Amino acid sequence: MATVRHIGLPGHPGTMSKKRAKMRFEQVPSFVLKQLFVFTIILFTLCSCGDRAKSRAKKEEAPKPMETELAEKKLEHGSPVFIRAFKEERELELFIESKTTGKFELFRTYPIAAASGKLGPKLAEGDRQVPEGFYFSRASDMNPNSSFHLSFNVNYPNAYDRAHARTGSFIMVHGSNVSVGCLAMTDEKIEEIYTLCQAALDNGQPFFRVHIFPFRMTPERMAEAAGSPHLPFWENLKTGYDLFEENRIPPEVKVRDKVYVFE
């Protein structure tokens, strides 16, 4: 008859006694025990870091649904909109007119996923520069069938650009995360931006303004730009920037003697 060996039953020959287990443990070389101790500490630290990272991720608030945020800010879907973009900060702001105050309130600030070129105006077709200046978009500029998911044309070159013999075309705010002179917002972000702009146009806004600045034109940042060859141009832009900062109503912009004038 075959012998059956029992494993793990107390008092049975198949079970290691506590005394024998202790003797075997004491026979383990000290350097091995040290390595095991270090490994245990590292494993514990990694697990703790992972838990903390998960905790931080939970605390980071996801953007609220569009309709929820509109309601909280007492703004309405279909009200007039206004867009400002800042190249250095890589941010695009979308403002919506408040029916209560008649002023444009900031709805959301969106990160710009890509904007090719450097600080300074667009000068020529193919220079890969994002333009700087005061632009606008109409219903005819909206493209729901864009190769970049959704897009709208900002109508570069404007009267100022043409007065300075600047060339180029088809400068868009669009989806995707690739830019060749345009502002790429990702597909997810452009859907909300496009929806609000299209609703405003559908509700009677004849066009919405798109103001593109090299940076937030604070006195401190303008002082840093003192040595730039673009400073006279940027000072002209700052006049329009300041008018909106003061009044929260986009200024009327015209071009006279090759400079922007504001009303």
C-alpha atoms as a PDB file:
ATOM      1  CA  MET A   1       0.000   0.000   0.000  1.00  0.00           C
ATOM      2  CA  ALA A   2       1.304   3.436  -0.897  1.00  0.00           C
ATOM      3  CA  THR A   3       2.281   5.691   1.986  1.00  0.00           C
ATOM      4  CA  VAL A   4       0.272   8.891   2.210  1.00  0.00           C
ATOM      5  CA  ARG A   5       2.247  11.869   3.447  1.00  0.00           C
ATOM      6  CA  HIS A   6       0.225  14.557   5.186  1.00  0.00           C
ATOM      7  CA  ILE A   7       1.329  18.145   4.730  1.00  0.00           C
ATOM      8  CA  GLY A   8       0.568  20.941   7.112  1.00  0.00           C
ATOM      9  CA  LEU A   9      -1.389  19.118   9.802  1.00  0.00           C
ATOM     10  CA  PRO A  10      -0.347  20.083  13.370  1.00  0.00           C
ATOM     11  CA  GLY A  11       1.719  17.378  15.121  1.00  0.00           C
ATOM     12  CA  HIS A  12       2.047  15.323  11.948  1.00  0.00           C
ATOM     13  CA  PRO A  13       5.437  14.352  10.498  1.00  0.00           C
ATOM     14  CA  GLY A  14       4.650  16.530   7.472  1.00  0.00           C
ATOM     15  CA  THR A  15       4.556  19.692   9.599  1.00  0.00           C
ATOM     16  CA  MET A  16       7.704  21.743  10.437  1.00  0.00           C
ATOM     17  CA  SER A  17       7.879  22.519  14.130  1.00  0.00           C
ATOM     18  CA  LYS A  18       8.313  26.109  15.313  1.00  0.00           C
ATOM     19  CA  LYS A  19      11.723  25.209  16.793  1.00  0.00           C
ATOM     20  CA  ARG A  20      12.992  23.783  13.504  1.00  0.00           C
ATOM     21  CA  ALA A  21      11.604  26.787  11.586  1.00  0.00           C
ATOM     22  CA  LYS A  22      13.417  29.173  13.934  1.00  0.00           C
ATOM     23  CA  MET A  23      16.673  27.258  13.520  1.00  0.00           C
ATOM     24  CA  ARG A  24      16.382  27.440   9.730  1.00  0.00           C
ATOM     25  CA  PHE A  25      15.611  31.184   9.825  1.00  0.00           C
ATOM     26  CA  GLU A  26      18.670  31.804  12.007  1.00  0.00           C
ATOM     27  CA  GLN A  27      20.798  29.958   9.450  1.00  0.00           C
ATOM     28  CA  VAL A  28      19.878  32.472   6.687  1.00  0.00           C
ATOM     29  CA  PRO A  29      22.907  34.698   5.924  1.00  0.00           C
ATOM     30  CA  SER A  30      22.590  38.247   7.295  1.00  0.00           C
ATOM     31  CA  PHE A  31      23.147  39.915   3.905  1.00  0.00           C
ATOM     32  CA  VAL A  32      20.121  38.046   2.525  1.00  0.00           C
ATOM     33  CA  LEU A  33      17.991  39.286   5.415  1.00  0.00           C
ATOM     34  CA  LYS A  34      19.160  42.843   4.784  1.00  0.00           C
ATOM     35  CA  GLN A  35      18.218  42.582   1.099  1.00  0.00           C
ATOM     36  CA  LEU A  36      14.784  41.237   2.007  1.00  0.00           C
ATOM     37  CA  PHE A  37      14.294  44.121   4.436  1.00  0.00           C
ATOM     38  CA  VAL A  38      15.274  46.724   1.836  1.00  0.00           C
ATOM     39  CA  PHE A  39      13.000  45.114  -0.777  1.00  0.00           C
ATOM     40  CA  THR A  40      10.085  45.187   1.668  1.00  0.00           C
ATOM     41  CA  ILE A  41      10.625  48.913   2.373  1.00  0.00           C
ATOM     42  CA  ILE A  42      10.814  49.733  -1.358  1.00  0.00           C
ATOM     43  CA  LEU A  43       7.655  47.754  -2.079  1.00  0.00           C
ATOM     44  CA  PHE A  44       5.793  49.501   0.714  1.00  0.00           C
ATOM     45  CA  THR A  45       6.953  52.938  -0.517  1.00  0.00           C
ATOM     46  CA  LEU A  46       5.857  52.243  -4.101  1.00  0.00           C
ATOM     47  CA  CYS A  47       2.432  51.099  -2.950  1.00  0.00           C
ATOM     48  CA  SER A  48       2.056  54.205  -0.778  1.00  0.00           C
ATOM     49  CA  CYS A  49       3.082  56.511  -3.640  1.00  0.00           C
ATOM     50  CA  GLY A  50       0.610  54.817  -5.935  1.00  0.00           C
ATOM     51  CA  ASP A  51      -2.165  55.315  -3.400  1.00  0.00           C
ATOM     52  CA  ARG A  52      -1.265  58.996  -2.989  1.00  0.00           C
ATOM     53  CA  ALA A  53      -1.214  59.510  -6.764  1.00  0.00           C
ATOM     54  CA  LYS A  54      -4.658  57.935  -7.049  1.00  0.00           C
ATOM     55  CA  SER A  55      -5.882  60.159  -4.236  1.00  0.00           C
ATOM     56  CA  ARG A  56      -4.576  63.284  -5.977  1.00  0.00           C
ATOM     57  CA  ALA A  57      -6.163  62.221  -9.252  1.00  0.00           C
ATOM     58  CA  LYS A  58      -9.532  61.884  -7.540  1.00  0.00           C
ATOM     59  CA  LYS A  59      -9.191  65.388  -6.097  1.00  0.00           C
ATOM     60  CA  GLU A  60      -8.520  66.963  -9.498  1.00  0.00           C
ATOM     61  CA  GLU A  61     -11.908  68.092 -10.686  1.00  0.00           C
ATOM     62  CA  ALA A  62     -12.981  67.103 -14.174  1.00  0.00           C
ATOM     63  CA  PRO A  63     -14.520  69.958 -16.177  1.00  0.00           C
ATOM     64  CA  LYS A  64     -18.176  70.387 -15.359  1.00  0.00           C
ATOM     65  CA  PRO A  65     -20.703  69.624 -18.105  1.00  0.00           C
ATOM     66  CA  MET A  66     -21.232  72.664 -20.310  1.00  0.00           C
ATOM     67  CA  GLU A  67     -24.880  73.210 -19.368  1.00  0.00           C
ATOM     68  CA  THR A  68     -24.073  72.897 -15.656  1.00  0.00           C
ATOM     69  CA  GLU A  69     -21.370  75.542 -15.807  1.00  0.00           C
ATOM     70  CA  LEU A  70     -23.523  77.838 -17.921  1.00  0.00           C
ATOM     71  CA  ALA A  71     -26.270  77.648 -15.314  1.00  0.00           C
ATOM     72  CA  GLU A  72     -23.884  78.215 -12.409  1.00  0.00           C
ATOM     73  CA  LYS A  73     -22.445  81.325 -14.098  1.00  0.00           C
ATOM     74  CA  LYS A  74     -25.905  82.518 -15.147  1.00  0.00           C
ATOM     75  CA  LEU A  75     -24.969  82.438 -18.812  1.00  0.00           C
ATOM     76  CA  GLU A  76     -27.065  81.110 -21.678  1.00  0.00           C
ATOM     77  CA  HIS A  77     -26.384  78.788 -24.565  1.00  0.00           C
ATOM     78  CA  GLY A  78     -26.886  80.898 -27.702  1.00  0.00           C
ATOM     79  CA  SER A  79     -25.796  84.221 -26.224  1.00  0.00           C
ATOM     80  CA  PRO A  80     -23.093  86.219 -28.064  1.00  0.00           C
ATOM     81  CA  VAL A  81     -19.533  84.953 -27.626  1.00  0.00           C
ATOM     82  CA  PHE A  82     -16.041  86.436 -27.758  1.00  0.00           C
ATOM     83  CA  ILE A  83     -12.675  84.657 -27.962  1.00  0.00           C
ATOM     84  CA  ARG A  84      -9.211  85.716 -26.805  1.00  0.00           C
ATOM     85  CA  ALA A  85      -6.077  83.622 -27.300  1.00  0.00           C
ATOM     86  CA  PHE A  86      -2.595  84.025 -25.839  1.00  0.00           C
ATOM     87  CA  LYS A  87       0.328  82.417 -27.644  1.00  0.00           C
ATOM     88  CA  GLU A  88       2.909  82.481 -24.858  1.00  0.00           C
ATOM     89  CA  GLU A  89       0.535  81.106 -22.209  1.00  0.00           C
ATOM     90  CA  ARG A  90      -1.032  78.653 -24.676  1.00  0.00           C
ATOM     91  CA  GLU A  91      -4.529  79.562 -23.515  1.00  0.00           C
ATOM     92  CA  LEU A  92      -7.805  80.344 -25.274  1.00  0.00           C
ATOM     93  CA  GLU A  93     -10.563  82.138 -23.380  1.00  0.00           C
ATOM     94  CA  LEU A  94     -14.215  81.954 -24.347  1.00  0.00           C
ATOM     95  CA  PHE A  95     -16.467  84.727 -23.042  1.00  0.00           C
ATOM     96  CA  ILE A  96     -20.267  84.806 -23.173  1.00  0.00           C
ATOM     97  CA  GLU A  97     -22.394  87.928 -22.927  1.00  0.00           C
ATOM     98  CA  SER A  98     -24.420  88.144 -19.744  1.00  0.00           C
ATOM     99  CA  LYS A  99     -28.049  89.079 -20.286  1.00  0.00           C
ATOM    100  CA  THR A 100     -28.054  90.625 -16.838  1.00  0.00           C
ATOM    101  CA  THR A 101     -25.095  92.993 -17.183  1.00  0.00           C
ATOM    102  CA  GLY A 102     -24.553  93.170 -20.950  1.00  0.00           C
ATOM    103  CA  LYS A 103     -20.865  92.477 -20.317  1.00  0.00           C
ATOM    104  CA  PHE A 104     -18.888  89.455 -21.475  1.00  0.00           C
ATOM    105  CA  GLU A 105     -18.157  87.008 -18.690  1.00  0.00           C
ATOM    106  CA  LEU A 106     -15.414  84.386 -18.866  1.00  0.00           C
ATOM    107  CA  PHE A 107     -17.013  80.989 -19.396  1.00  0.00           C
ATOM    108  CA  ARG A 108     -13.908  78.825 -19.696  1.00  0.00           C
ATOM    109  CA  THR A 109     -10.185  78.922 -20.377  1.00  0.00           C
ATOM    110  CA  TYR A 110      -8.973  76.115 -22.637  1.00  0.00           C
ATOM    111  CA  PRO A 111      -5.376  74.961 -23.043  1.00  0.00           C
ATOM    112  CA  ILE A 112      -4.092  75.335 -26.600  1.00  0.00           C
ATOM    113  CA  ALA A 113      -2.728  71.944 -27.639  1.00  0.00           C
ATOM    114  CA  ALA A 114      -0.468  73.303 -30.389  1.00  0.00           C
ATOM    115  CA  ALA A 115       0.440  76.667 -31.924  1.00  0.00           C
ATOM    116  CA  SER A 116       3.388  76.707 -34.288  1.00  0.00           C
ATOM    117  CA  GLY A 117       5.901  79.522 -34.709  1.00  0.00           C
ATOM    118  CA  LYS A 118       7.104  82.054 -32.152  1.00  0.00           C
ATOM    119  CA  LEU A 119       6.052  85.360 -30.640  1.00  0.00           C
ATOM    120  CA  GLY A 120       5.454  88.013 -33.255  1.00  0.00           C
ATOM    121  CA  PRO A 121       2.967  88.547 -36.094  1.00  0.00           C
ATOM    122  CA  LYS A 122       2.418  86.348 -39.106  1.00  0.00           C
ATOM    123  CA  LEU A 123       4.133  87.997 -42.072  1.00  0.00           C
ATOM    124  CA  ALA A 124       3.923  85.649 -45.034  1.00  0.00           C
ATOM    125  CA  GLU A 125       2.272  82.534 -46.413  1.00  0.00           C
ATOM    126  CA  GLY A 126       4.159  79.472 -45.224  1.00  0.00           C
ATOM    127  CA  ASP A 127       6.026  81.071 -42.310  1.00  0.00           C
ATOM    128  CA  ARG A 128       4.126  78.777 -39.882  1.00  0.00           C
ATOM    129  CA  GLN A 129       3.345  81.748 -37.635  1.00  0.00           C
ATOM    130  CA  VAL A 130       0.104  82.105 -35.705  1.00  0.00           C
ATOM    131  CA  PRO A 131      -1.087  85.669 -36.432  1.00  0.00           C
ATOM    132  CA  GLU A 132      -1.526  88.339 -33.790  1.00  0.00           C
ATOM    133  CA  GLY A 133      -4.281  90.904 -34.015  1.00  0.00           C
ATOM    134  CA  PHE A 134      -8.028  91.415 -34.130  1.00  0.00           C
ATOM    135  CA  TYR A 135     -10.004  88.937 -36.218  1.00  0.00           C
ATOM    136  CA  PHE A 136     -13.553  87.610 -36.532  1.00  0.00           C
ATOM    137  CA  SER A 137     -15.569  84.618 -37.720  1.00  0.00           C
ATOM    138  CA  ARG A 138     -18.980  84.480 -39.421  1.00  0.00           C
ATOM    139  CA  ALA A 139     -21.381  81.620 -40.093  1.00  0.00           C
ATOM    140  CA  SER A 140     -19.712  81.054 -43.466  1.00  0.00           C
ATOM    141  CA  ASP A 141     -16.380  80.519 -41.681  1.00  0.00           C
ATOM    142  CA  MET A 142     -17.639  77.552 -39.648  1.00  0.00           C
ATOM    143  CA  ASN A 143     -16.602  74.148 -40.980  1.00  0.00           C
ATOM    144  CA  PRO A 144     -18.287  71.075 -39.451  1.00  0.00           C
ATOM    145  CA  ASN A 145     -16.561  68.840 -42.021  1.00  0.00           C
ATOM    146  CA  SER A 146     -13.000  69.917 -41.299  1.00  0.00           C
ATOM    147  CA  SER A 147     -10.054  67.557 -41.720  1.00  0.00           C
ATOM    148  CA  PHE A 148      -9.247  68.630 -38.159  1.00  0.00           C
ATOM    149  CA  HIS A 149     -12.613  67.487 -36.778  1.00  0.00           C
ATOM    150  CA  LEU A 150     -14.235  70.967 -36.501  1.00  0.00           C
ATOM    151  CA  SER A 151     -12.837  74.381 -37.355  1.00  0.00           C
ATOM    152  CA  PHE A 152     -13.559  78.036 -37.971  1.00  0.00           C
ATOM    153  CA  ASN A 153     -11.588  80.525 -40.046  1.00  0.00           C
ATOM    154  CA  VAL A 154     -10.447  83.724 -38.285  1.00  0.00           C
ATOM    155  CA  ASN A 155     -10.143  85.678 -41.568  1.00  0.00           C
ATOM    156  CA  TYR A 156      -6.447  86.377 -41.679  1.00  0.00           C
ATOM    157  CA  PRO A 157      -5.223  88.600 -43.306  1.00  0.00           C
ATOM    158  CA  ASN A 158      -7.389  91.409 -41.966  1.00  0.00           C
ATOM    159  CA  ALA A 159      -7.280  95.067 -43.081  1.00  0.00           C
ATOM    160  CA  TYR A 160      -4.228  95.781 -40.906  1.00  0.00           C
ATOM    161  CA  ASP A 161      -2.328  92.782 -42.291  1.00  0.00           C
ATOM    162  CA  ARG A 162      -3.136  93.733 -45.862  1.00  0.00           C
ATOM    163  CA  ALA A 163      -2.034  97.320 -45.217  1.00  0.00           C
ATOM    164  CA  HIS A 164       1.341  95.893 -44.181  1.00  0.00           C
ATOM    165  CA  ALA A 165       1.529  93.529 -47.187  1.00  0.00           C
ATOM    166  CA  ARG A 166       1.239  90.426 -45.006  1.00  0.00           C
ATOM    167  CA  THR A 167       0.142  87.285 -46.801  1.00  0.00           C
ATOM    168  CA  GLY A 168      -1.370  83.959 -45.827  1.00  0.00           C
ATOM    169  CA  SER A 169      -4.728  82.229 -45.670  1.00  0.00           C
ATOM    170  CA  PHE A 170      -6.893  79.635 -43.938  1.00  0.00           C
ATOM    171  CA  ILE A 171      -5.814  80.356 -40.367  1.00  0.00           C
ATOM    172  CA  MET A 172      -8.156  78.325 -38.213  1.00  0.00           C
ATOM    173  CA  VAL A 173      -9.085  77.426 -34.690  1.00  0.00           C
ATOM    174  CA  HIS A 174      -9.569  73.679 -35.007  1.00  0.00           C
ATOM    175  CA  GLY A 175      -9.455  70.246 -33.405  1.00  0.00           C
ATOM    176  CA  SER A 176      -6.528  67.817 -33.389  1.00  0.00           C
ATOM    177  CA  ASN A 177      -3.223  68.606 -31.691  1.00  0.00           C
ATOM    178  CA  VAL A 178      -1.191  69.600 -34.759  1.00  0.00           C
ATOM    179  CA  SER A 179      -0.625  73.204 -35.809  1.00  0.00           C
ATOM    180  CA  VAL A 180       0.790  74.873 -38.911  1.00  0.00           C
ATOM    181  CA  GLY A 181      -0.023  78.485 -38.148  1.00  0.00           C
ATOM    182  CA  CYS A 182      -3.370  77.621 -36.543  1.00  0.00           C
ATOM    183  CA  LEU A 183      -4.624  77.115 -32.990  1.00  0.00           C
ATOM    184  CA  ALA A 184      -5.133  73.394 -32.357  1.00  0.00           C
ATOM    185  CA  MET A 185      -7.480  72.718 -29.430  1.00  0.00           C
ATOM    186  CA  THR A 186      -7.916  68.895 -29.523  1.00  0.00           C
ATOM    187  CA  ASP A 187     -11.103  67.295 -30.811  1.00  0.00           C
ATOM    188  CA  GLU A 188     -12.703  67.199 -27.365  1.00  0.00           C
ATOM    189  CA  LYS A 189     -12.198  70.903 -26.605  1.00  0.00           C
ATOM    190  CA  ILE A 190     -13.125  72.187 -30.071  1.00  0.00           C
ATOM    191  CA  GLU A 191     -16.505  70.451 -29.822  1.00  0.00           C
ATOM    192  CA  GLU A 192     -17.545  72.645 -26.903  1.00  0.00           C
ATOM    193  CA  ILE A 193     -15.994  75.823 -28.347  1.00  0.00           C
ATOM    194  CA  TYR A 194     -17.570  75.211 -31.754  1.00  0.00           C
ATOM    195  CA  THR A 195     -20.966  74.383 -30.236  1.00  0.00           C
ATOM    196  CA  LEU A 196     -21.128  77.655 -28.278  1.00  0.00           C
ATOM    197  CA  CYS A 197     -19.929  79.751 -31.230  1.00  0.00           C
ATOM    198  CA  GLN A 198     -22.344  78.116 -33.672  1.00  0.00           C
ATOM    199  CA  ALA A 199     -25.236  78.559 -31.235  1.00  0.00           C
ATOM    200  CA  ALA A 200     -24.448  82.273 -30.934  1.00  0.00           C
ATOM    201  CA  LEU A 201     -24.409  82.659 -34.728  1.00  0.00           C
ATOM    202  CA  ASP A 202     -27.624  80.661 -35.075  1.00  0.00           C
ATOM    203  CA  ASN A 203     -29.215  82.929 -32.480  1.00  0.00           C
ATOM    204  CA  GLY A 204     -28.446  86.105 -34.444  1.00  0.00           C
ATOM    205  CA  GLN A 205     -24.890  87.166 -33.621  1.00  0.00           C
ATOM    206  CA  PRO A 206     -23.591  88.273 -37.050  1.00  0.00           C
ATOM    207  CA  PHE A 207     -19.982  87.371 -36.238  1.00  0.00           C
ATOM    208  CA  PHE A 208     -17.837  86.763 -33.186  1.00  0.00           C
ATOM    209  CA  ARG A 209     -14.487  88.382 -32.534  1.00  0.00           C
ATOM    210  CA  VAL A 210     -11.261  86.409 -32.146  1.00  0.00           C
ATOM    211  CA  HIS A 211      -8.444  88.461 -30.612  1.00  0.00           C
ATOM    212  CA  ILE A 212      -5.020  86.827 -30.679  1.00  0.00           C
ATOM    213  CA  PHE A 213      -2.237  88.254 -28.501  1.00  0.00           C
ATOM    214  CA  PRO A 214       1.410  87.272 -28.101  1.00  0.00           C
ATOM    215  CA  PHE A 215       0.963  87.143 -24.310  1.00  0.00           C
ATOM    216  CA  ARG A 216      -1.155  88.643 -21.535  1.00  0.00           C
ATOM    217  CA  MET A 217      -0.347  92.297 -21.999  1.00  0.00           C
ATOM    218  CA  THR A 218       0.260  93.308 -18.404  1.00  0.00           C
ATOM    219  CA  PRO A 219       2.572  96.245 -17.647  1.00  0.00           C
ATOM    220  CA  GLU A 220       5.170  93.820 -16.278  1.00  0.00           C
ATOM    221  CA  ARG A 221       5.169  91.637 -19.403  1.00  0.00           C
ATOM    222  CA  MET A 222       5.257  94.666 -21.694  1.00  0.00           C
ATOM    223  CA  ALA A 223       8.311  95.956 -19.807  1.00  0.00           C
ATOM    224  CA  GLU A 224      10.045  92.629 -20.494  1.00  0.00           C
ATOM    225  CA  ALA A 225       9.335  93.132 -24.203  1.00  0.00           C
ATOM    226  CA  ALA A 226      10.996  96.549 -24.286  1.00  0.00           C
ATOM    227  CA  GLY A 227      13.826  95.403 -26.567  1.00  0.00           C
ATOM    228  CA  SER A 228      11.646  93.568 -29.077  1.00  0.00           C
ATOM    229  CA  PRO A 229      11.393  94.852 -32.656  1.00  0.00           C
ATOM    230  CA  HIS A 230       7.664  94.078 -32.368  1.00  0.00           C
ATOM    231  CA  LEU A 231       7.141  96.477 -29.460  1.00  0.00           C
ATOM    232  CA  PRO A 232       5.369  99.268 -31.438  1.00  0.00           C
ATOM    233  CA  PHE A 233       2.969  96.694 -32.899  1.00  0.00           C
ATOM    234  CA  TRP A 234       2.360  95.128 -29.500  1.00  0.00           C
ATOM    235  CA  GLU A 235       1.693  98.536 -27.929  1.00  0.00           C
ATOM    236  CA  ASN A 236      -0.993  99.061 -30.573  1.00  0.00           C
ATOM    237  CA  LEU A 237      -2.505  95.675 -29.663  1.00  0.00           C
ATOM    238  CA  LYS A 238      -2.370  96.550 -25.978  1.00  0.00           C
ATOM    239  CA  THR A 239      -4.750  99.461 -26.481  1.00  0.00           C
ATOM    240  CA  GLY A 240      -7.452  97.036 -27.603  1.00  0.00           C
ATOM    241  CA  TYR A 241      -6.486  94.550 -24.883  1.00  0.00           C
ATOM    242  CA  ASP A 242      -6.836  97.211 -22.176  1.00  0.00           C
ATOM    243  CA  LEU A 243     -10.225  98.400 -23.446  1.00  0.00           C
ATOM    244  CA  PHE A 244     -11.694  94.951 -22.976  1.00  0.00           C
ATOM    245  CA  GLU A 245     -10.018  94.526 -19.591  1.00  0.00           C
ATOM    246  CA  GLU A 246     -11.622  97.778 -18.444  1.00  0.00           C
ATOM    247  CA  ASN A 247     -15.095  97.426 -19.955  1.00  0.00           C
ATOM    248  CA  ARG A 248     -15.611  93.704 -20.538  1.00  0.00           C
ATOM    249  CA  ILE A 249     -17.070  94.572 -23.940  1.00  0.00           C
ATOM    250  CA  PRO A 250     -15.003  93.787 -27.062  1.00  0.00           C
ATOM    251  CA  PRO A 251     -14.021  97.087 -28.705  1.00  0.00           C
ATOM    252  CA  GLU A 252     -14.937  98.070 -32.234  1.00  0.00           C
ATOM    253  CA  VAL A 253     -11.731  97.816 -34.249  1.00  0.00           C
ATOM    254  CA  LYS A 254     -10.824  99.671 -37.426  1.00  0.00           C
ATOM    255  CA  VAL A 255      -7.621 100.370 -39.325  1.00  0.00           C
ATOM    256  CA  ARG A 256      -6.521 103.901 -40.111  1.00  0.00           C
ATOM    257  CA  ASP A 257      -3.115 104.960 -41.436  1.00  0.00           C
ATOM    258  CA  LYS A 258      -1.862 101.390 -41.015  1.00  0.00           C
ATOM    259  CA  VAL A 259      -2.632 101.194 -37.294  1.00  0.00           C
ATOM    260  CA  TYR A 260      -5.521  99.778 -35.290  1.00  0.00           C
ATOM    261  CA  VAL A 261      -7.953 102.349 -33.925  1.00  0.00           C
ATOM    262  CA  PHE A 262     -10.665 101.536 -31.386  1.00  0.00           C
ATOM    263  CA  GLU A 263     -14.150 102.805 -30.685  1.00  0.00           C
END
